[in-house]
Amino acid sequence: MGVQHFGHGEGIRDWARRIQDIMDEMRNRSFCDYRATGAWLPSVNIYETRQSYHVCVELAGLEPESVTVECPDSRHVCISGQRCRPRGPWQETPFSVELMEIDEGPFQRLIDFSEPIEVQAVEVWYDNGYLWITLQKSEAR
């Protein structure tokens, strides 16, 4: 029996062909559903004045009706909802994913405030991809 060297002979050529076949097959597949499930956290900015907190939540690409804003108590606000996967008209043809960074699916963000807020005086509006929430600070601090 002769000396076998790694990387030489029929065995390695067979492996190389099999790997190339697998790679070719992978390039022709769509992997749109590979992401982990579970709620994602939208980015938030919080501003404070003497009388109130102003919360800005980045929520591009969703319908305002799909968002819920609740104050479970006087120190928290919870923002939750669902964002659908963005779809282009070209997606009716086969395609592959090169990069996928936009979060989709259910989201939830619970914010804790250092001072109590008035849970009955919450103002919410959606503008240009941002959800804005104004929370008045409680008089009984």
C-alpha atoms as a PDB file:
ATOM      1  CA  MET A   1       0.000   0.000   0.000  1.00  0.00           C
ATOM      2  CA  GLY A   2       1.409   3.368  -1.035  1.00  0.00           C
ATOM      3  CA  VAL A   3       1.662   6.485   1.077  1.00  0.00           C
ATOM      4  CA  GLN A   4      -1.545   8.567   1.153  1.00  0.00           C
ATOM      5  CA  HIS A   5      -1.195  12.342   1.389  1.00  0.00           C
ATOM      6  CA  PHE A   6      -4.027  14.558   2.589  1.00  0.00           C
ATOM      7  CA  GLY A   7      -5.551  16.512  -0.289  1.00  0.00           C
ATOM      8  CA  HIS A   8      -4.577  14.048  -2.995  1.00  0.00           C
ATOM      9  CA  GLY A   9      -6.352  11.180  -4.699  1.00  0.00           C
ATOM     10  CA  GLU A  10      -9.909  10.273  -5.640  1.00  0.00           C
ATOM     11  CA  GLY A  11     -11.305  10.665  -2.120  1.00  0.00           C
ATOM     12  CA  ILE A  12     -10.595  14.373  -1.869  1.00  0.00           C
ATOM     13  CA  ARG A  13     -11.904  15.026  -5.401  1.00  0.00           C
ATOM     14  CA  ASP A  14     -15.169  13.269  -4.491  1.00  0.00           C
ATOM     15  CA  TRP A  15     -15.495  15.394  -1.354  1.00  0.00           C
ATOM     16  CA  ALA A  16     -14.746  18.576  -3.305  1.00  0.00           C
ATOM     17  CA  ARG A  17     -17.432  17.689  -5.875  1.00  0.00           C
ATOM     18  CA  ARG A  18     -19.980  16.919  -3.139  1.00  0.00           C
ATOM     19  CA  ILE A  19     -19.243  20.186  -1.344  1.00  0.00           C
ATOM     20  CA  GLN A  20     -19.522  22.132  -4.619  1.00  0.00           C
ATOM     21  CA  ASP A  21     -22.890  20.451  -5.341  1.00  0.00           C
ATOM     22  CA  ILE A  22     -24.149  21.401  -1.874  1.00  0.00           C
ATOM     23  CA  MET A  23     -22.976  25.011  -2.303  1.00  0.00           C
ATOM     24  CA  ASP A  24     -24.668  25.236  -5.713  1.00  0.00           C
ATOM     25  CA  GLU A  25     -27.922  23.963  -4.211  1.00  0.00           C
ATOM     26  CA  MET A  26     -27.696  26.452  -1.312  1.00  0.00           C
ATOM     27  CA  ARG A  27     -27.265  29.376  -3.723  1.00  0.00           C
ATOM     28  CA  ASN A  28     -30.551  28.470  -5.418  1.00  0.00           C
ATOM     29  CA  ARG A  29     -32.629  28.371  -2.225  1.00  0.00           C
ATOM     30  CA  SER A  30     -34.587  31.095  -0.475  1.00  0.00           C
ATOM     31  CA  PHE A  31     -33.886  31.384   3.266  1.00  0.00           C
ATOM     32  CA  CYS A  32     -36.491  33.974   4.265  1.00  0.00           C
ATOM     33  CA  ASP A  33     -37.677  32.006   7.282  1.00  0.00           C
ATOM     34  CA  TYR A  34     -34.352  31.279   8.949  1.00  0.00           C
ATOM     35  CA  ARG A  35     -34.619  33.915  11.691  1.00  0.00           C
ATOM     36  CA  ALA A  36     -35.168  33.014  15.310  1.00  0.00           C
ATOM     37  CA  THR A  37     -38.657  33.498  16.682  1.00  0.00           C
ATOM     38  CA  GLY A  38     -39.518  35.696  19.638  1.00  0.00           C
ATOM     39  CA  ALA A  39     -40.114  39.350  20.360  1.00  0.00           C
ATOM     40  CA  TRP A  40     -37.570  41.921  19.218  1.00  0.00           C
ATOM     41  CA  LEU A  41     -36.784  45.236  20.930  1.00  0.00           C
ATOM     42  CA  PRO A  42     -37.355  48.442  18.968  1.00  0.00           C
ATOM     43  CA  SER A  43     -34.861  51.278  19.469  1.00  0.00           C
ATOM     44  CA  VAL A  44     -36.025  54.001  21.870  1.00  0.00           C
ATOM     45  CA  ASN A  45     -35.028  57.565  22.779  1.00  0.00           C
ATOM     46  CA  ILE A  46     -36.360  59.049  26.034  1.00  0.00           C
ATOM     47  CA  TYR A  47     -36.413  62.785  26.721  1.00  0.00           C
ATOM     48  CA  GLU A  48     -37.351  64.387  30.033  1.00  0.00           C
ATOM     49  CA  THR A  49     -38.706  67.810  30.921  1.00  0.00           C
ATOM     50  CA  ARG A  50     -39.787  69.038  34.347  1.00  0.00           C
ATOM     51  CA  GLN A  51     -43.401  67.992  33.711  1.00  0.00           C
ATOM     52  CA  SER A  52     -43.143  64.952  31.413  1.00  0.00           C
ATOM     53  CA  TYR A  53     -41.285  62.188  29.653  1.00  0.00           C
ATOM     54  CA  HIS A  54     -41.241  61.993  25.859  1.00  0.00           C
ATOM     55  CA  VAL A  55     -40.557  58.577  24.354  1.00  0.00           C
ATOM     56  CA  CYS A  56     -39.635  58.105  20.697  1.00  0.00           C
ATOM     57  CA  VAL A  57     -39.826  54.518  19.382  1.00  0.00           C
ATOM     58  CA  GLU A  58     -38.380  53.647  15.978  1.00  0.00           C
ATOM     59  CA  LEU A  59     -41.079  51.570  14.234  1.00  0.00           C
ATOM     60  CA  ALA A  60     -40.730  52.049  10.485  1.00  0.00           C
ATOM     61  CA  GLY A  61     -42.879  50.018   8.138  1.00  0.00           C
ATOM     62  CA  LEU A  62     -45.847  49.188  10.332  1.00  0.00           C
ATOM     63  CA  GLU A  63     -49.434  50.245  10.624  1.00  0.00           C
ATOM     64  CA  PRO A  64     -50.088  52.428  13.706  1.00  0.00           C
ATOM     65  CA  GLU A  65     -53.147  50.279  14.520  1.00  0.00           C
ATOM     66  CA  SER A  66     -50.832  47.301  15.085  1.00  0.00           C
ATOM     67  CA  VAL A  67     -49.180  48.975  18.112  1.00  0.00           C
ATOM     68  CA  THR A  68     -50.433  48.828  21.700  1.00  0.00           C
ATOM     69  CA  VAL A  69     -49.264  51.276  24.375  1.00  0.00           C
ATOM     70  CA  GLU A  70     -50.166  50.389  27.974  1.00  0.00           C
ATOM     71  CA  CYS A  71     -49.220  51.645  31.420  1.00  0.00           C
ATOM     72  CA  PRO A  72     -49.454  48.621  33.724  1.00  0.00           C
ATOM     73  CA  ASP A  73     -48.613  50.852  36.704  1.00  0.00           C
ATOM     74  CA  SER A  74     -47.372  54.369  37.503  1.00  0.00           C
ATOM     75  CA  ARG A  75     -43.699  53.629  36.710  1.00  0.00           C
ATOM     76  CA  HIS A  76     -43.904  51.636  33.475  1.00  0.00           C
ATOM     77  CA  VAL A  77     -45.043  51.903  29.886  1.00  0.00           C
ATOM     78  CA  CYS A  78     -45.217  48.855  27.613  1.00  0.00           C
ATOM     79  CA  ILE A  79     -45.106  49.175  23.821  1.00  0.00           C
ATOM     80  CA  SER A  80     -45.977  46.030  21.850  1.00  0.00           C
ATOM     81  CA  GLY A  81     -47.173  44.996  18.431  1.00  0.00           C
ATOM     82  CA  GLN A  82     -46.233  43.253  15.237  1.00  0.00           C
ATOM     83  CA  ARG A  83     -44.262  44.267  12.139  1.00  0.00           C
ATOM     84  CA  CYS A  84     -44.616  42.279   8.911  1.00  0.00           C
ATOM     85  CA  ARG A  85     -41.668  41.333   6.742  1.00  0.00           C
ATOM     86  CA  PRO A  86     -41.018  43.979   4.085  1.00  0.00           C
ATOM     87  CA  ARG A  87     -41.771  42.644   0.595  1.00  0.00           C
ATOM     88  CA  GLY A  88     -40.811  44.015  -2.784  1.00  0.00           C
ATOM     89  CA  PRO A  89     -42.800  43.300  -5.965  1.00  0.00           C
ATOM     90  CA  TRP A  90     -39.798  41.400  -7.396  1.00  0.00           C
ATOM     91  CA  GLN A  91     -40.147  38.752  -4.656  1.00  0.00           C
ATOM     92  CA  GLU A  92     -42.564  36.776  -6.827  1.00  0.00           C
ATOM     93  CA  THR A  93     -39.493  35.378  -8.618  1.00  0.00           C
ATOM     94  CA  PRO A  94     -36.793  33.136  -7.083  1.00  0.00           C
ATOM     95  CA  PHE A  95     -34.226  35.033  -5.013  1.00  0.00           C
ATOM     96  CA  SER A  96     -31.662  34.544  -2.297  1.00  0.00           C
ATOM     97  CA  VAL A  97     -31.010  36.613   0.805  1.00  0.00           C
ATOM     98  CA  GLU A  98     -27.650  38.382   1.001  1.00  0.00           C
ATOM     99  CA  LEU A  99     -28.287  40.298   4.249  1.00  0.00           C
ATOM    100  CA  MET A 100     -31.304  40.457   6.578  1.00  0.00           C
ATOM    101  CA  GLU A 101     -31.124  43.019   9.400  1.00  0.00           C
ATOM    102  CA  ILE A 102     -34.652  44.458   9.608  1.00  0.00           C
ATOM    103  CA  ASP A 103     -36.477  43.008  12.593  1.00  0.00           C
ATOM    104  CA  GLU A 104     -39.940  41.619  11.980  1.00  0.00           C
ATOM    105  CA  GLY A 105     -42.657  39.791  13.853  1.00  0.00           C
ATOM    106  CA  PRO A 106     -43.833  40.539  17.374  1.00  0.00           C
ATOM    107  CA  PHE A 107     -42.075  43.199  19.421  1.00  0.00           C
ATOM    108  CA  GLN A 108     -42.302  44.423  22.986  1.00  0.00           C
ATOM    109  CA  ARG A 109     -40.505  47.106  24.957  1.00  0.00           C
ATOM    110  CA  LEU A 110     -41.089  47.777  28.670  1.00  0.00           C
ATOM    111  CA  ILE A 111     -39.751  51.100  29.924  1.00  0.00           C
ATOM    112  CA  ASP A 112     -39.193  51.812  33.621  1.00  0.00           C
ATOM    113  CA  PHE A 113     -39.311  55.448  34.817  1.00  0.00           C
ATOM    114  CA  SER A 114     -37.569  56.793  37.896  1.00  0.00           C
ATOM    115  CA  GLU A 115     -40.553  59.026  38.761  1.00  0.00           C
ATOM    116  CA  PRO A 116     -44.243  58.046  38.738  1.00  0.00           C
ATOM    117  CA  ILE A 117     -46.333  58.953  35.684  1.00  0.00           C
ATOM    118  CA  GLU A 118     -50.010  59.753  35.193  1.00  0.00           C
ATOM    119  CA  VAL A 119     -51.324  56.570  33.586  1.00  0.00           C
ATOM    120  CA  GLN A 120     -54.542  58.327  32.511  1.00  0.00           C
ATOM    121  CA  ALA A 121     -52.737  61.158  30.674  1.00  0.00           C
ATOM    122  CA  VAL A 122     -50.839  59.343  27.922  1.00  0.00           C
ATOM    123  CA  GLU A 123     -50.576  60.903  24.463  1.00  0.00           C
ATOM    124  CA  VAL A 124     -49.531  58.744  21.499  1.00  0.00           C
ATOM    125  CA  TRP A 125     -48.990  59.586  17.819  1.00  0.00           C
ATOM    126  CA  TYR A 126     -47.151  58.069  14.858  1.00  0.00           C
ATOM    127  CA  ASP A 127     -45.121  60.250  12.510  1.00  0.00           C
ATOM    128  CA  ASN A 128     -42.753  59.295   9.705  1.00  0.00           C
ATOM    129  CA  GLY A 129     -41.810  55.878  11.131  1.00  0.00           C
ATOM    130  CA  TYR A 130     -41.586  57.010  14.757  1.00  0.00           C
ATOM    131  CA  LEU A 131     -44.065  56.343  17.537  1.00  0.00           C
ATOM    132  CA  TRP A 132     -44.121  59.263  19.979  1.00  0.00           C
ATOM    133  CA  ILE A 133     -45.448  58.897  23.519  1.00  0.00           C
ATOM    134  CA  THR A 134     -45.837  61.753  25.998  1.00  0.00           C
ATOM    135  CA  LEU A 135     -46.239  60.749  29.658  1.00  0.00           C
ATOM    136  CA  GLN A 136     -47.025  63.390  32.251  1.00  0.00           C
ATOM    137  CA  LYS A 137     -45.174  63.078  35.540  1.00  0.00           C
ATOM    138  CA  SER A 138     -47.407  62.451  38.534  1.00  0.00           C
ATOM    139  CA  GLU A 139     -48.189  65.403  40.815  1.00  0.00           C
ATOM    140  CA  ALA A 140     -47.878  63.100  43.818  1.00  0.00           C
ATOM    141  CA  ARG A 141     -44.145  62.465  43.560  1.00  0.00           C
END
